[in-house]
N, C-alpha and C. Protein backbone atom coordinates (compact mmCIF):
# COMPACT_ATOMS: atom_id res chain seq x y z
N MET A 1 0.78 -1.20 0.03
CA MET A 1 -0.01 -0.02 0.01
C MET A 1 0.85 1.23 0.02
N LYS A 2 1.99 1.28 0.72
CA LYS A 2 2.78 2.46 0.81
C LYS A 2 3.38 2.79 -0.58
N ASP A 3 3.73 1.81 -1.38
CA ASP A 3 4.22 2.11 -2.72
C ASP A 3 3.20 2.87 -3.57
N THR A 4 1.93 2.42 -3.46
CA THR A 4 0.89 3.09 -4.20
C THR A 4 0.72 4.58 -3.77
N GLY A 5 0.78 4.83 -2.53
CA GLY A 5 0.74 6.21 -2.02
C GLY A 5 1.90 6.99 -2.50
N LYS A 6 3.11 6.46 -2.53
CA LYS A 6 4.26 7.16 -3.05
C LYS A 6 4.11 7.43 -4.50
N THR A 7 3.58 6.45 -5.23
CA THR A 7 3.43 6.56 -6.67
C THR A 7 2.41 7.70 -7.00
N LYS A 8 1.33 7.73 -6.22
CA LYS A 8 0.25 8.78 -6.35
C LYS A 8 0.89 10.13 -6.13
N ARG A 9 1.63 10.25 -5.02
CA ARG A 9 2.28 11.53 -4.65
C ARG A 9 3.27 11.99 -5.78
N ALA A 10 4.03 11.04 -6.24
CA ALA A 10 4.98 11.32 -7.32
C ALA A 10 4.25 11.77 -8.56
N GLY A 11 3.15 11.06 -8.90
CA GLY A 11 2.39 11.49 -10.09
C GLY A 11 1.77 12.87 -9.93
N ARG A 12 1.29 13.20 -8.72
CA ARG A 12 0.76 14.56 -8.46
C ARG A 12 1.89 15.59 -8.60
N LEU A 13 3.00 15.28 -8.08
CA LEU A 13 4.16 16.18 -8.12
C LEU A 13 4.59 16.40 -9.51
N LEU A 14 4.62 15.33 -10.32
CA LEU A 14 4.93 15.46 -11.68
C LEU A 14 3.92 16.32 -12.47
N CYS A 15 2.63 16.10 -12.15
CA CYS A 15 1.57 16.94 -12.82
C CYS A 15 1.74 18.39 -12.46
N ILE A 16 2.06 18.66 -11.23
CA ILE A 16 2.17 20.06 -10.75
C ILE A 16 3.42 20.69 -11.42
N CYS A 17 4.53 19.95 -11.56
CA CYS A 17 5.69 20.46 -12.19
C CYS A 17 5.45 20.74 -13.63
N LEU A 18 4.72 19.81 -14.32
CA LEU A 18 4.40 20.04 -15.75
C LEU A 18 3.52 21.25 -15.93
N ALA A 19 2.50 21.39 -15.02
CA ALA A 19 1.65 22.56 -15.11
C ALA A 19 2.38 23.83 -14.96
N LEU A 20 3.34 23.87 -14.03
CA LEU A 20 4.11 25.04 -13.77
C LEU A 20 5.00 25.36 -14.95
N CYS A 21 5.56 24.34 -15.51
CA CYS A 21 6.42 24.53 -16.68
C CYS A 21 5.66 25.09 -17.89
N LEU A 22 4.44 24.54 -18.07
CA LEU A 22 3.53 24.97 -19.17
C LEU A 22 3.14 26.49 -18.91
N ALA A 23 2.79 26.80 -17.64
CA ALA A 23 2.43 28.16 -17.32
C ALA A 23 3.61 29.12 -17.63
N ALA A 24 4.79 28.69 -17.19
CA ALA A 24 5.96 29.59 -17.44
C ALA A 24 6.24 29.74 -18.90
N ALA A 25 6.07 28.68 -19.68
CA ALA A 25 6.30 28.78 -21.13
C ALA A 25 5.29 29.67 -21.78
N LEU A 26 4.05 29.62 -21.36
CA LEU A 26 2.98 30.45 -21.92
C LEU A 26 3.24 31.89 -21.55
N CYS A 27 3.66 32.10 -20.31
CA CYS A 27 4.00 33.49 -19.86
C CYS A 27 5.18 34.07 -20.65
N LEU A 28 6.19 33.26 -20.92
CA LEU A 28 7.37 33.66 -21.60
C LEU A 28 6.99 34.04 -23.04
N CYS A 29 6.18 33.25 -23.63
CA CYS A 29 5.78 33.50 -25.02
C CYS A 29 4.96 34.83 -25.10
N ALA A 30 4.08 35.03 -24.09
CA ALA A 30 3.23 36.24 -24.06
C ALA A 30 4.13 37.48 -23.83
N CYS A 31 5.19 37.33 -23.01
CA CYS A 31 6.00 38.48 -22.65
C CYS A 31 7.05 38.82 -23.76
N THR A 32 7.27 37.94 -24.66
CA THR A 32 8.27 38.21 -25.69
C THR A 32 7.73 38.75 -27.01
N ALA A 33 6.45 39.09 -27.05
CA ALA A 33 5.80 39.69 -28.26
C ALA A 33 6.54 41.00 -28.46
N SER A 34 7.21 41.13 -29.59
CA SER A 34 7.97 42.32 -29.84
C SER A 34 7.29 43.34 -30.78
N VAL A 35 6.30 42.88 -31.48
CA VAL A 35 5.56 43.79 -32.39
C VAL A 35 4.03 43.36 -32.23
N PRO A 36 3.14 44.36 -32.51
CA PRO A 36 1.73 44.02 -32.44
C PRO A 36 1.38 42.83 -33.40
N GLU A 37 0.34 42.15 -33.02
CA GLU A 37 -0.16 41.01 -33.83
C GLU A 37 -0.43 41.51 -35.23
N GLY A 38 0.03 40.74 -36.22
CA GLY A 38 -0.23 41.09 -37.59
C GLY A 38 0.97 41.84 -38.27
N MET A 39 1.88 42.28 -37.43
CA MET A 39 3.08 43.00 -37.94
C MET A 39 4.25 42.06 -38.02
N ASP A 40 5.17 42.36 -38.84
CA ASP A 40 6.38 41.50 -39.10
C ASP A 40 7.62 42.29 -38.58
N GLU A 41 8.38 41.63 -37.75
CA GLU A 41 9.55 42.24 -37.20
C GLU A 41 10.57 42.80 -38.27
N GLU A 42 10.79 41.97 -39.32
CA GLU A 42 11.72 42.38 -40.33
C GLU A 42 11.22 43.61 -41.09
N GLN A 43 9.90 43.66 -41.29
CA GLN A 43 9.31 44.90 -41.96
C GLN A 43 9.44 46.13 -41.16
N VAL A 44 9.38 46.02 -39.78
CA VAL A 44 9.56 47.10 -38.91
C VAL A 44 11.02 47.60 -38.95
N LYS A 45 11.95 46.64 -38.90
CA LYS A 45 13.34 46.97 -39.04
C LYS A 45 13.69 47.70 -40.36
N GLN A 46 13.11 47.17 -41.45
CA GLN A 46 13.30 47.77 -42.75
C GLN A 46 12.74 49.23 -42.77
N ALA A 47 11.52 49.39 -42.18
CA ALA A 47 10.97 50.73 -42.11
C ALA A 47 11.89 51.70 -41.34
N ALA A 48 12.40 51.19 -40.19
CA ALA A 48 13.35 52.01 -39.38
C ALA A 48 14.56 52.41 -40.14
N GLU A 49 15.13 51.45 -40.89
CA GLU A 49 16.33 51.74 -41.65
C GLU A 49 16.04 52.76 -42.77
N GLN A 50 14.84 52.60 -43.36
CA GLN A 50 14.45 53.54 -44.43
C GLN A 50 14.34 54.97 -43.80
N THR A 51 13.72 55.10 -42.65
CA THR A 51 13.54 56.38 -42.00
C THR A 51 14.94 56.99 -41.71
N ILE A 52 15.84 56.17 -41.14
CA ILE A 52 17.17 56.69 -40.85
C ILE A 52 17.93 57.10 -42.09
N ARG A 53 17.79 56.30 -43.13
CA ARG A 53 18.37 56.63 -44.44
C ARG A 53 17.88 57.91 -45.03
N LEU A 54 16.56 58.10 -44.99
CA LEU A 54 15.88 59.28 -45.53
C LEU A 54 16.41 60.55 -44.73
N LEU A 55 16.55 60.40 -43.50
CA LEU A 55 17.08 61.56 -42.71
C LEU A 55 18.51 61.83 -43.13
N ASP A 56 19.32 60.76 -43.21
CA ASP A 56 20.71 60.98 -43.60
C ASP A 56 20.86 61.60 -44.98
N GLU A 57 19.96 61.26 -45.91
CA GLU A 57 20.00 61.80 -47.26
C GLU A 57 19.28 63.17 -47.30
N GLN A 58 18.71 63.56 -46.13
CA GLN A 58 17.96 64.81 -46.01
C GLN A 58 16.79 64.93 -47.06
N ASP A 59 16.19 63.81 -47.29
CA ASP A 59 15.01 63.66 -48.24
C ASP A 59 13.75 63.83 -47.39
N TYR A 60 13.42 65.03 -46.92
CA TYR A 60 12.33 65.27 -46.05
C TYR A 60 10.97 65.09 -46.77
N THR A 61 10.94 65.32 -48.02
CA THR A 61 9.68 65.08 -48.80
C THR A 61 9.35 63.60 -48.77
N ALA A 62 10.27 62.71 -49.06
CA ALA A 62 10.03 61.31 -49.03
C ALA A 62 9.66 60.88 -47.61
N LEU A 63 10.40 61.43 -46.61
CA LEU A 63 10.12 61.12 -45.19
C LEU A 63 8.74 61.43 -44.80
N MET A 64 8.24 62.57 -45.25
CA MET A 64 6.82 62.99 -44.94
C MET A 64 5.84 61.89 -45.46
N HIS A 65 6.13 61.31 -46.61
CA HIS A 65 5.23 60.35 -47.22
C HIS A 65 5.17 59.01 -46.38
N THR A 66 6.18 58.80 -45.49
CA THR A 66 6.21 57.59 -44.76
C THR A 66 5.48 57.72 -43.38
N MET A 67 5.06 58.91 -43.07
CA MET A 67 4.44 59.22 -41.79
C MET A 67 2.93 58.99 -41.72
N ASP A 68 2.45 58.77 -40.52
CA ASP A 68 1.00 58.70 -40.36
C ASP A 68 0.45 60.19 -40.38
N GLU A 69 -0.82 60.35 -40.48
CA GLU A 69 -1.44 61.64 -40.64
C GLU A 69 -1.11 62.52 -39.46
N ALA A 70 -1.24 62.04 -38.26
CA ALA A 70 -0.97 62.82 -37.08
C ALA A 70 0.43 63.40 -37.08
N MET A 71 1.34 62.65 -37.49
CA MET A 71 2.75 63.11 -37.49
C MET A 71 2.99 64.11 -38.58
N ARG A 72 2.33 63.86 -39.77
CA ARG A 72 2.47 64.86 -40.89
C ARG A 72 1.89 66.18 -40.47
N ASP A 73 0.82 66.18 -39.66
CA ASP A 73 0.17 67.40 -39.15
C ASP A 73 0.98 68.08 -38.17
N ALA A 74 1.85 67.34 -37.48
CA ALA A 74 2.60 67.89 -36.34
C ALA A 74 3.97 68.53 -36.76
N ILE A 75 4.52 68.14 -37.93
CA ILE A 75 5.83 68.59 -38.23
C ILE A 75 5.92 68.86 -39.72
N THR A 76 6.63 69.90 -40.16
CA THR A 76 6.78 70.26 -41.57
C THR A 76 8.17 69.84 -42.08
N GLU A 77 8.36 69.84 -43.35
CA GLU A 77 9.63 69.50 -43.89
C GLU A 77 10.68 70.44 -43.36
N GLN A 78 10.39 71.68 -43.28
CA GLN A 78 11.37 72.67 -42.77
C GLN A 78 11.78 72.36 -41.29
N GLN A 79 10.74 71.97 -40.52
CA GLN A 79 11.04 71.61 -39.12
C GLN A 79 11.97 70.37 -39.07
N TRP A 80 11.74 69.39 -40.00
CA TRP A 80 12.61 68.25 -40.05
C TRP A 80 14.05 68.73 -40.35
N ALA A 81 14.18 69.60 -41.36
CA ALA A 81 15.51 70.12 -41.73
C ALA A 81 16.20 70.78 -40.60
N ASP A 82 15.41 71.66 -39.86
CA ASP A 82 16.03 72.36 -38.76
C ASP A 82 16.38 71.48 -37.60
N THR A 83 15.61 70.37 -37.40
CA THR A 83 15.93 69.45 -36.36
C THR A 83 17.14 68.56 -36.71
N TRP A 84 17.16 68.13 -37.93
CA TRP A 84 18.19 67.10 -38.35
C TRP A 84 19.60 67.70 -38.62
N GLN A 85 19.58 68.94 -39.09
CA GLN A 85 20.83 69.55 -39.54
C GLN A 85 21.94 69.54 -38.52
N PRO A 86 21.69 69.92 -37.28
CA PRO A 86 22.73 69.81 -36.27
C PRO A 86 23.30 68.40 -36.10
N TYR A 87 22.49 67.41 -36.14
CA TYR A 87 22.97 66.02 -36.06
C TYR A 87 23.79 65.66 -37.29
N ALA A 88 23.31 66.00 -38.48
CA ALA A 88 24.07 65.79 -39.72
C ALA A 88 25.49 66.41 -39.71
N ASP A 89 25.49 67.69 -39.21
CA ASP A 89 26.73 68.42 -39.15
C ASP A 89 27.77 67.80 -38.21
N SER A 90 27.27 67.27 -37.11
CA SER A 90 28.24 66.75 -36.11
C SER A 90 28.55 65.25 -36.31
N LEU A 91 27.63 64.51 -36.82
CA LEU A 91 27.83 63.03 -37.05
C LEU A 91 28.48 62.65 -38.28
N GLY A 92 28.25 63.42 -39.40
CA GLY A 92 28.81 62.98 -40.66
C GLY A 92 27.78 62.02 -41.29
N ALA A 93 28.32 61.23 -42.28
CA ALA A 93 27.49 60.33 -43.04
C ALA A 93 27.16 59.08 -42.26
N LEU A 94 26.01 58.51 -42.58
CA LEU A 94 25.59 57.18 -42.01
C LEU A 94 26.52 56.12 -42.51
N VAL A 95 27.02 55.28 -41.56
CA VAL A 95 27.80 54.14 -41.89
C VAL A 95 26.94 52.87 -41.95
N GLU A 96 26.23 52.64 -40.84
CA GLU A 96 25.31 51.51 -40.80
C GLU A 96 24.35 51.56 -39.63
N VAL A 97 23.25 50.85 -39.69
CA VAL A 97 22.42 50.65 -38.51
C VAL A 97 22.94 49.43 -37.84
N GLU A 98 23.45 49.61 -36.61
CA GLU A 98 24.15 48.49 -35.97
C GLU A 98 23.23 47.51 -35.21
N SER A 99 22.15 48.03 -34.67
CA SER A 99 21.29 47.09 -33.91
C SER A 99 19.86 47.61 -33.86
N HIS A 100 18.98 46.69 -33.57
CA HIS A 100 17.51 46.96 -33.43
C HIS A 100 17.09 46.25 -32.16
N SER A 101 16.16 46.90 -31.46
CA SER A 101 15.51 46.33 -30.30
C SER A 101 14.06 46.62 -30.46
N LEU A 102 13.19 45.66 -30.62
CA LEU A 102 11.76 45.79 -30.92
C LEU A 102 10.89 45.52 -29.67
N VAL A 103 9.92 46.42 -29.50
CA VAL A 103 8.91 46.11 -28.43
C VAL A 103 7.55 46.60 -28.99
N GLU A 104 6.51 46.05 -28.38
CA GLU A 104 5.17 46.48 -28.70
C GLU A 104 4.73 47.42 -27.61
N GLN A 105 4.22 48.53 -27.97
CA GLN A 105 3.75 49.50 -26.94
C GLN A 105 2.48 50.19 -27.46
N ASP A 106 1.39 50.00 -26.74
CA ASP A 106 0.13 50.64 -27.00
C ASP A 106 -0.34 50.44 -28.46
N GLY A 107 -0.09 49.24 -29.02
CA GLY A 107 -0.51 48.98 -30.40
C GLY A 107 0.49 49.38 -31.41
N TYR A 108 1.55 49.96 -31.06
CA TYR A 108 2.63 50.34 -31.98
C TYR A 108 3.85 49.44 -31.90
N ALA A 109 4.52 49.29 -33.01
CA ALA A 109 5.80 48.66 -33.01
C ALA A 109 6.85 49.70 -32.75
N VAL A 110 7.69 49.56 -31.71
CA VAL A 110 8.69 50.49 -31.43
C VAL A 110 10.07 49.84 -31.58
N ASP A 111 10.90 50.54 -32.43
CA ASP A 111 12.20 50.03 -32.71
C ASP A 111 13.25 51.01 -32.13
N VAL A 112 14.05 50.53 -31.18
CA VAL A 112 15.17 51.36 -30.72
C VAL A 112 16.36 50.93 -31.54
N ALA A 113 16.79 51.75 -32.48
CA ALA A 113 17.82 51.42 -33.46
C ALA A 113 19.05 52.27 -33.16
N LYS A 114 20.14 51.56 -33.11
CA LYS A 114 21.43 52.27 -32.91
C LYS A 114 22.13 52.43 -34.26
N ALA A 115 22.39 53.66 -34.67
CA ALA A 115 23.07 53.90 -35.96
C ALA A 115 24.43 54.48 -35.79
N ALA A 116 25.40 53.94 -36.58
CA ALA A 116 26.79 54.36 -36.55
C ALA A 116 27.04 55.35 -37.70
N TYR A 117 27.65 56.48 -37.36
CA TYR A 117 27.99 57.51 -38.35
C TYR A 117 29.48 57.69 -38.34
N GLU A 118 29.99 58.45 -39.26
CA GLU A 118 31.42 58.66 -39.41
C GLU A 118 32.02 59.16 -38.09
N ASN A 119 31.31 60.08 -37.36
CA ASN A 119 31.85 60.66 -36.18
C ASN A 119 31.14 60.35 -34.91
N GLY A 120 30.42 59.26 -34.85
CA GLY A 120 29.75 58.93 -33.64
C GLY A 120 28.50 58.00 -33.88
N THR A 121 27.67 57.85 -32.84
CA THR A 121 26.49 57.05 -32.93
C THR A 121 25.29 57.83 -32.51
N LEU A 122 24.16 57.37 -32.93
CA LEU A 122 22.87 58.03 -32.60
C LEU A 122 21.89 56.93 -32.35
N THR A 123 21.13 57.03 -31.31
CA THR A 123 20.08 56.06 -30.99
C THR A 123 18.73 56.66 -31.35
N PHE A 124 17.98 55.96 -32.18
CA PHE A 124 16.65 56.37 -32.69
C PHE A 124 15.61 55.51 -31.97
N THR A 125 14.54 56.15 -31.51
CA THR A 125 13.35 55.40 -31.07
C THR A 125 12.29 55.78 -32.06
N LEU A 126 11.92 54.74 -32.82
CA LEU A 126 10.95 54.90 -33.93
C LEU A 126 9.71 54.10 -33.67
N SER A 127 8.53 54.76 -33.82
CA SER A 127 7.29 54.08 -33.60
C SER A 127 6.53 53.96 -34.88
N TYR A 128 5.99 52.76 -35.16
CA TYR A 128 5.24 52.52 -36.40
C TYR A 128 3.85 51.91 -36.08
N ASP A 129 2.83 52.41 -36.82
CA ASP A 129 1.51 51.83 -36.72
C ASP A 129 1.48 50.55 -37.50
N THR A 130 0.32 49.92 -37.45
CA THR A 130 0.17 48.58 -38.05
C THR A 130 0.28 48.55 -39.54
N GLU A 131 0.27 49.78 -40.12
CA GLU A 131 0.53 49.85 -41.59
C GLU A 131 1.95 50.35 -41.93
N TYR A 132 2.83 50.23 -40.86
CA TYR A 132 4.22 50.59 -41.01
C TYR A 132 4.48 52.06 -41.34
N ARG A 133 3.54 52.91 -40.91
CA ARG A 133 3.75 54.33 -41.09
C ARG A 133 4.37 54.87 -39.81
N LEU A 134 5.37 55.81 -40.02
CA LEU A 134 6.08 56.40 -38.90
C LEU A 134 5.08 57.22 -38.11
N ALA A 135 4.99 56.91 -36.77
CA ALA A 135 4.06 57.55 -35.89
C ALA A 135 4.79 58.31 -34.76
N GLY A 136 6.10 58.13 -34.66
CA GLY A 136 6.85 58.78 -33.61
C GLY A 136 8.33 58.57 -33.85
N LEU A 137 9.12 59.65 -33.45
CA LEU A 137 10.57 59.53 -33.59
C LEU A 137 11.29 60.39 -32.53
N TYR A 138 12.19 59.72 -31.87
CA TYR A 138 13.01 60.38 -30.87
C TYR A 138 14.51 60.04 -31.14
N MET A 139 15.38 61.02 -31.04
CA MET A 139 16.79 60.85 -31.28
C MET A 139 17.54 61.18 -30.08
N LYS A 140 18.56 60.38 -29.75
CA LYS A 140 19.44 60.64 -28.60
C LYS A 140 20.83 60.24 -28.93
């Protein structure tokens, strides 16, 4: 009889361990979502690199066409030029985008991209809506 009791306890313990492992795996999967559902990480990275490249080329007209309506209403091409020019003057030409870190925030895909330039680096925080339109940009 004692063997049966030990077997039942071992079986319960095994079931509890499996349940905990499953719960942890589900939690880990839920916590690692880096872009909103329906978006593709590679497309977000490509959009970020395009934004950085357009700034580097000072093609503000093309940049405006990549933005969502709210952002287009908030900033003009001249304001982009005034904002970007000091960075361009001090950093030099773009060498490469070195890294991307993606997170999902409030329904937006946010890419923290580190870009290397001839004279330094710049970290961009770029937000994209589900249609890959630029909805926010911060440079540091």
